Amino acid sequence: MSLNWSVKNVKNSDDICYYTALGTSVHNGTFRGEEYTHPITDNLIWQTLSIGLNEVTEGNIDEWEKRLAFAYHVGWISKMTVYAGTDKDGKVQWEPRLITRTDLVNHIGLNTNASYETAGAWRRRVIERMEEEGLRDLRRADKENPEQDAITWGEHIALRDAIRRGETTKEAEKAKAKNSDVWVSTSAE
């Protein structure tokens, strides 16, 4: 299903939701003088899928803000990249940017055909997804860590055994470490 959207109910939508490209950019496919959906508007449209809110209204600004804050903080969504002007040499600059409350207020009236989720349902979906991703990462670590662990543990065990056999002492090893270019402090000291 395609994502359909409308900004016809956004106050000053022509100024808020669209921009005219100041330069031609291979990076984002814009051409100077052409009109495009503003990156903030575009990002909000796509975030309706992730956030579970299919419209921006006066009554749901607080919920939008809570969901965005949570989603940004846990990495569920990323900052968007927006045009930040040009440098002294005329090179276009881009910067990462969060959607703000002001952006939401400016976009009251935006709506899409994304599914609406209650606050509880959305939070459950996000938590379940984070659990799935976390488990996937742990399972991948189970496959990838043993080789690295073998190197690390091998060195630790060799030093421990050398100390136990009397071939060196903890004090001698500490002195070697302090005199070397690399000094690593551990909580075991």
C-alpha atoms as a PDB file:
ATOM      1  CA  MET A   1       0.000   0.000   0.000  1.00  0.00           C
ATOM      2  CA  SER A   2       1.331   3.442  -0.864  1.00  0.00           C
ATOM      3  CA  LEU A   3       1.668   6.188   1.723  1.00  0.00           C
ATOM      4  CA  ASN A   4      -0.763   8.959   0.807  1.00  0.00           C
ATOM      5  CA  TRP A   5      -0.612  12.354   2.466  1.00  0.00           C
ATOM      6  CA  SER A   6      -2.178  15.796   2.417  1.00  0.00           C
ATOM      7  CA  VAL A   7      -1.132  19.225   3.644  1.00  0.00           C
ATOM      8  CA  LYS A   8      -4.204  21.070   2.341  1.00  0.00           C
ATOM      9  CA  ASN A   9      -5.331  21.752   5.943  1.00  0.00           C
ATOM     10  CA  VAL A  10      -1.927  23.069   7.079  1.00  0.00           C
ATOM     11  CA  LYS A  11      -2.058  26.830   7.668  1.00  0.00           C
ATOM     12  CA  ASN A  12       0.356  28.529   5.239  1.00  0.00           C
ATOM     13  CA  SER A  13       1.130  25.145   3.699  1.00  0.00           C
ATOM     14  CA  ASP A  14       2.643  26.767   0.622  1.00  0.00           C
ATOM     15  CA  ASP A  15       5.294  28.442   2.809  1.00  0.00           C
ATOM     16  CA  ILE A  16       5.659  25.703   5.452  1.00  0.00           C
ATOM     17  CA  CYS A  17       5.478  22.489   3.437  1.00  0.00           C
ATOM     18  CA  TYR A  18       7.308  23.392   0.232  1.00  0.00           C
ATOM     19  CA  TYR A  19      10.575  25.039  -0.725  1.00  0.00           C
ATOM     20  CA  THR A  20      12.261  26.155  -3.905  1.00  0.00           C
ATOM     21  CA  ALA A  21      15.736  24.657  -4.323  1.00  0.00           C
ATOM     22  CA  LEU A  22      18.514  27.240  -4.180  1.00  0.00           C
ATOM     23  CA  GLY A  23      20.986  24.930  -5.844  1.00  0.00           C
ATOM     24  CA  THR A  24      21.264  21.807  -7.913  1.00  0.00           C
ATOM     25  CA  SER A  25      22.410  18.790  -5.889  1.00  0.00           C
ATOM     26  CA  VAL A  26      23.309  15.305  -7.009  1.00  0.00           C
ATOM     27  CA  HIS A  27      23.117  14.337  -3.314  1.00  0.00           C
ATOM     28  CA  ASN A  28      19.366  14.713  -3.088  1.00  0.00           C
ATOM     29  CA  GLY A  29      18.350  15.133  -6.728  1.00  0.00           C
ATOM     30  CA  THR A  30      17.197  18.731  -6.516  1.00  0.00           C
ATOM     31  CA  PHE A  31      17.506  21.347  -9.228  1.00  0.00           C
ATOM     32  CA  ARG A  32      17.756  25.078  -8.621  1.00  0.00           C
ATOM     33  CA  GLY A  33      14.389  26.766  -9.063  1.00  0.00           C
ATOM     34  CA  GLU A  34      12.328  23.566  -8.741  1.00  0.00           C
ATOM     35  CA  GLU A  35       9.740  23.289  -5.961  1.00  0.00           C
ATOM     36  CA  TYR A  36       9.933  20.340  -3.557  1.00  0.00           C
ATOM     37  CA  THR A  37       8.305  19.076  -0.391  1.00  0.00           C
ATOM     38  CA  HIS A  38      10.203  20.629   2.500  1.00  0.00           C
ATOM     39  CA  PRO A  39      12.478  18.098   4.278  1.00  0.00           C
ATOM     40  CA  ILE A  40      10.701  18.692   7.607  1.00  0.00           C
ATOM     41  CA  THR A  41       7.321  18.024   6.015  1.00  0.00           C
ATOM     42  CA  ASP A  42       8.669  14.982   4.199  1.00  0.00           C
ATOM     43  CA  ASN A  43      10.185  13.630   7.405  1.00  0.00           C
ATOM     44  CA  LEU A  44       6.939  14.133   9.334  1.00  0.00           C
ATOM     45  CA  ILE A  45       5.002  12.329   6.608  1.00  0.00           C
ATOM     46  CA  TRP A  46       7.283   9.296   6.867  1.00  0.00           C
ATOM     47  CA  GLN A  47       7.383   9.435  10.680  1.00  0.00           C
ATOM     48  CA  THR A  48       3.612   8.877  10.782  1.00  0.00           C
ATOM     49  CA  LEU A  49       4.458   5.239   9.988  1.00  0.00           C
ATOM     50  CA  SER A  50       7.007   4.894  12.799  1.00  0.00           C
ATOM     51  CA  ILE A  51       5.193   7.043  15.350  1.00  0.00           C
ATOM     52  CA  GLY A  52       1.750   5.519  14.862  1.00  0.00           C
ATOM     53  CA  LEU A  53      -0.021   8.854  14.521  1.00  0.00           C
ATOM     54  CA  ASN A  54      -1.545   9.575  11.126  1.00  0.00           C
ATOM     55  CA  GLU A  55      -2.238  13.273  11.589  1.00  0.00           C
ATOM     56  CA  VAL A  56      -0.926  16.325  13.399  1.00  0.00           C
ATOM     57  CA  THR A  57      -3.646  18.091  15.393  1.00  0.00           C
ATOM     58  CA  GLU A  58      -3.720  20.612  18.228  1.00  0.00           C
ATOM     59  CA  GLY A  59      -4.941  17.788  20.451  1.00  0.00           C
ATOM     60  CA  ASN A  60      -2.133  15.326  19.737  1.00  0.00           C
ATOM     61  CA  ILE A  61       0.955  17.589  19.722  1.00  0.00           C
ATOM     62  CA  ASP A  62       1.950  16.407  23.223  1.00  0.00           C
ATOM     63  CA  GLU A  63       1.661  12.749  22.180  1.00  0.00           C
ATOM     64  CA  TRP A  64       3.667  13.423  19.007  1.00  0.00           C
ATOM     65  CA  GLU A  65       6.357  15.058  21.117  1.00  0.00           C
ATOM     66  CA  LYS A  66       6.463  12.173  23.629  1.00  0.00           C
ATOM     67  CA  ARG A  67       6.658   9.533  20.915  1.00  0.00           C
ATOM     68  CA  LEU A  68       9.311  11.429  18.961  1.00  0.00           C
ATOM     69  CA  ALA A  69      11.400  11.992  22.105  1.00  0.00           C
ATOM     70  CA  PHE A  70      11.228   8.308  23.005  1.00  0.00           C
ATOM     71  CA  ALA A  71      11.898   7.146  19.448  1.00  0.00           C
ATOM     72  CA  TYR A  72      14.891   9.475  19.039  1.00  0.00           C
ATOM     73  CA  HIS A  73      16.336   8.489  22.418  1.00  0.00           C
ATOM     74  CA  VAL A  74      16.220   4.740  21.842  1.00  0.00           C
ATOM     75  CA  GLY A  75      17.356   5.007  18.230  1.00  0.00           C
ATOM     76  CA  TRP A  76      14.010   3.937  16.785  1.00  0.00           C
ATOM     77  CA  ILE A  77      14.219   6.878  14.385  1.00  0.00           C
ATOM     78  CA  SER A  78      17.138   9.026  13.237  1.00  0.00           C
ATOM     79  CA  LYS A  79      17.612  12.747  12.954  1.00  0.00           C
ATOM     80  CA  MET A  80      16.842  13.999   9.487  1.00  0.00           C
ATOM     81  CA  THR A  81      19.363  15.855   7.374  1.00  0.00           C
ATOM     82  CA  VAL A  82      18.354  19.320   6.294  1.00  0.00           C
ATOM     83  CA  TYR A  83      19.835  22.132   4.258  1.00  0.00           C
ATOM     84  CA  ALA A  84      21.872  24.438   6.490  1.00  0.00           C
ATOM     85  CA  GLY A  85      22.866  27.125   3.993  1.00  0.00           C
ATOM     86  CA  THR A  86      26.164  27.531   2.216  1.00  0.00           C
ATOM     87  CA  ASP A  87      29.662  28.040   3.520  1.00  0.00           C
ATOM     88  CA  LYS A  88      31.926  30.986   2.579  1.00  0.00           C
ATOM     89  CA  ASP A  89      32.965  29.140  -0.602  1.00  0.00           C
ATOM     90  CA  GLY A  90      29.355  28.622  -1.677  1.00  0.00           C
ATOM     91  CA  LYS A  91      29.349  24.887  -0.852  1.00  0.00           C
ATOM     92  CA  VAL A  92      25.990  23.549   0.358  1.00  0.00           C
ATOM     93  CA  GLN A  93      25.983  22.527   4.021  1.00  0.00           C
ATOM     94  CA  TRP A  94      23.762  19.853   5.581  1.00  0.00           C
ATOM     95  CA  GLU A  95      23.103  19.151   9.230  1.00  0.00           C
ATOM     96  CA  PRO A  96      21.230  16.569  11.293  1.00  0.00           C
ATOM     97  CA  ARG A  97      18.097  17.943  12.914  1.00  0.00           C
ATOM     98  CA  LEU A  98      15.350  16.794  15.241  1.00  0.00           C
ATOM     99  CA  ILE A  99      11.666  17.448  14.626  1.00  0.00           C
ATOM    100  CA  THR A 100      10.631  20.040  17.236  1.00  0.00           C
ATOM    101  CA  ARG A 101       7.375  21.091  18.839  1.00  0.00           C
ATOM    102  CA  THR A 102       7.452  24.220  16.658  1.00  0.00           C
ATOM    103  CA  ASP A 103       7.648  21.998  13.573  1.00  0.00           C
ATOM    104  CA  LEU A 104       4.646  20.041  14.804  1.00  0.00           C
ATOM    105  CA  VAL A 105       2.622  23.188  15.514  1.00  0.00           C
ATOM    106  CA  ASN A 106       3.512  24.520  12.049  1.00  0.00           C
ATOM    107  CA  HIS A 107       2.239  21.246  10.521  1.00  0.00           C
ATOM    108  CA  ILE A 108      -1.123  21.050  12.280  1.00  0.00           C
ATOM    109  CA  GLY A 109      -3.463  19.729   9.587  1.00  0.00           C
ATOM    110  CA  LEU A 110      -0.977  17.315   7.969  1.00  0.00           C
ATOM    111  CA  ASN A 111      -2.499  13.860   7.592  1.00  0.00           C
ATOM    112  CA  THR A 112      -1.618  10.525   5.998  1.00  0.00           C
ATOM    113  CA  ASN A 113      -3.195   7.122   5.503  1.00  0.00           C
ATOM    114  CA  ALA A 114      -0.753   5.522   7.988  1.00  0.00           C
ATOM    115  CA  SER A 115      -2.313   3.388  10.709  1.00  0.00           C
ATOM    116  CA  TYR A 116      -3.242   5.038  14.000  1.00  0.00           C
ATOM    117  CA  GLU A 117      -2.015   3.337  17.181  1.00  0.00           C
ATOM    118  CA  THR A 118      -3.030   4.146  20.726  1.00  0.00           C
ATOM    119  CA  ALA A 119      -0.181   5.232  22.999  1.00  0.00           C
ATOM    120  CA  GLY A 120      -0.126   1.829  24.719  1.00  0.00           C
ATOM    121  CA  ALA A 121      -0.188  -0.157  21.481  1.00  0.00           C
ATOM    122  CA  TRP A 122       2.614   1.966  20.010  1.00  0.00           C
ATOM    123  CA  ARG A 123       4.811   1.578  23.077  1.00  0.00           C
ATOM    124  CA  ARG A 124       4.245  -2.192  23.107  1.00  0.00           C
ATOM    125  CA  ARG A 125       5.201  -2.370  19.409  1.00  0.00           C
ATOM    126  CA  VAL A 126       8.378  -0.367  19.982  1.00  0.00           C
ATOM    127  CA  ILE A 127       9.401  -2.428  23.018  1.00  0.00           C
ATOM    128  CA  GLU A 128       8.698  -5.718  21.222  1.00  0.00           C
ATOM    129  CA  ARG A 129      10.726  -4.543  18.216  1.00  0.00           C
ATOM    130  CA  MET A 130      13.609  -3.448  20.447  1.00  0.00           C
ATOM    131  CA  GLU A 131      13.538  -6.849  22.171  1.00  0.00           C
ATOM    132  CA  GLU A 132      13.616  -8.632  18.803  1.00  0.00           C
ATOM    133  CA  GLU A 133      16.521  -6.490  17.606  1.00  0.00           C
ATOM    134  CA  GLY A 134      18.348  -6.986  20.908  1.00  0.00           C
ATOM    135  CA  LEU A 135      17.920 -10.759  20.722  1.00  0.00           C
ATOM    136  CA  ARG A 136      19.160 -10.734  17.127  1.00  0.00           C
ATOM    137  CA  ASP A 137      22.259  -8.791  18.251  1.00  0.00           C
ATOM    138  CA  LEU A 138      22.873 -11.225  21.122  1.00  0.00           C
ATOM    139  CA  ARG A 139      22.561 -14.239  18.828  1.00  0.00           C
ATOM    140  CA  ARG A 140      24.989 -12.646  16.368  1.00  0.00           C
ATOM    141  CA  ALA A 141      27.393 -11.979  19.252  1.00  0.00           C
ATOM    142  CA  ASP A 142      27.116 -15.646  20.252  1.00  0.00           C
ATOM    143  CA  LYS A 143      28.489 -16.541  16.830  1.00  0.00           C
ATOM    144  CA  GLU A 144      31.117 -13.785  16.555  1.00  0.00           C
ATOM    145  CA  ASN A 145      32.482 -13.407  20.104  1.00  0.00           C
ATOM    146  CA  PRO A 146      34.169 -16.773  20.753  1.00  0.00           C
ATOM    147  CA  GLU A 147      37.126 -16.058  18.453  1.00  0.00           C
ATOM    148  CA  GLN A 148      37.793 -12.684  20.088  1.00  0.00           C
ATOM    149  CA  ASP A 149      37.231 -14.150  23.540  1.00  0.00           C
ATOM    150  CA  ALA A 150      39.760 -16.900  22.843  1.00  0.00           C
ATOM    151  CA  ILE A 151      42.447 -14.277  22.201  1.00  0.00           C
ATOM    152  CA  THR A 152      41.516 -12.175  25.226  1.00  0.00           C
ATOM    153  CA  TRP A 153      41.117 -15.070  27.646  1.00  0.00           C
ATOM    154  CA  GLY A 154      44.234 -16.750  26.334  1.00  0.00           C
ATOM    155  CA  GLU A 155      46.354 -13.721  27.282  1.00  0.00           C
ATOM    156  CA  HIS A 156      44.713 -13.388  30.711  1.00  0.00           C
ATOM    157  CA  ILE A 157      45.130 -17.056  31.521  1.00  0.00           C
ATOM    158  CA  ALA A 158      48.782 -17.052  30.375  1.00  0.00           C
ATOM    159  CA  LEU A 159      49.592 -14.086  32.655  1.00  0.00           C
ATOM    160  CA  ARG A 160      47.679 -15.587  35.579  1.00  0.00           C
ATOM    161  CA  ASP A 161      49.537 -18.886  35.183  1.00  0.00           C
ATOM    162  CA  ALA A 162      52.932 -17.108  34.928  1.00  0.00           C
ATOM    163  CA  ILE A 163      52.187 -15.277  38.200  1.00  0.00           C
ATOM    164  CA  ARG A 164      51.084 -18.510  39.897  1.00  0.00           C
ATOM    165  CA  ARG A 165      54.250 -20.326  38.733  1.00  0.00           C
ATOM    166  CA  GLY A 166      56.359 -17.503  40.155  1.00  0.00           C
ATOM    167  CA  GLU A 167      57.777 -16.466  36.773  1.00  0.00           C
ATOM    168  CA  THR A 168      56.605 -12.887  37.467  1.00  0.00           C
ATOM    169  CA  THR A 169      54.686 -10.992  40.131  1.00  0.00           C
ATOM    170  CA  LYS A 170      51.688  -8.693  40.130  1.00  0.00           C
ATOM    171  CA  GLU A 171      53.938  -5.865  41.278  1.00  0.00           C
ATOM    172  CA  ALA A 172      56.409  -6.475  38.420  1.00  0.00           C
ATOM    173  CA  GLU A 173      53.558  -6.478  35.894  1.00  0.00           C
ATOM    174  CA  LYS A 174      52.168  -3.230  37.345  1.00  0.00           C
ATOM    175  CA  ALA A 175      55.601  -1.633  37.110  1.00  0.00           C
ATOM    176  CA  LYS A 176      55.958  -2.796  33.482  1.00  0.00           C
ATOM    177  CA  ALA A 177      52.557  -1.337  32.652  1.00  0.00           C
ATOM    178  CA  LYS A 178      53.315   2.016  34.304  1.00  0.00           C
ATOM    179  CA  ASN A 179      56.592   2.270  32.383  1.00  0.00           C
ATOM    180  CA  SER A 180      55.036   1.376  29.036  1.00  0.00           C
ATOM    181  CA  ASP A 181      53.302   3.723  26.626  1.00  0.00           C
ATOM    182  CA  VAL A 182      49.978   2.032  27.345  1.00  0.00           C
ATOM    183  CA  TRP A 183      48.502   2.109  30.839  1.00  0.00           C
ATOM    184  CA  VAL A 184      45.159   0.412  31.300  1.00  0.00           C
ATOM    185  CA  SER A 185      43.468   0.689  34.651  1.00  0.00           C
ATOM    186  CA  THR A 186      41.062  -2.061  35.613  1.00  0.00           C
ATOM    187  CA  SER A 187      38.623  -2.345  38.462  1.00  0.00           C
ATOM    188  CA  ALA A 188      40.378  -5.535  39.619  1.00  0.00           C
ATOM    189  CA  GLU A 189      43.392  -3.556  40.888  1.00  0.00           C
END
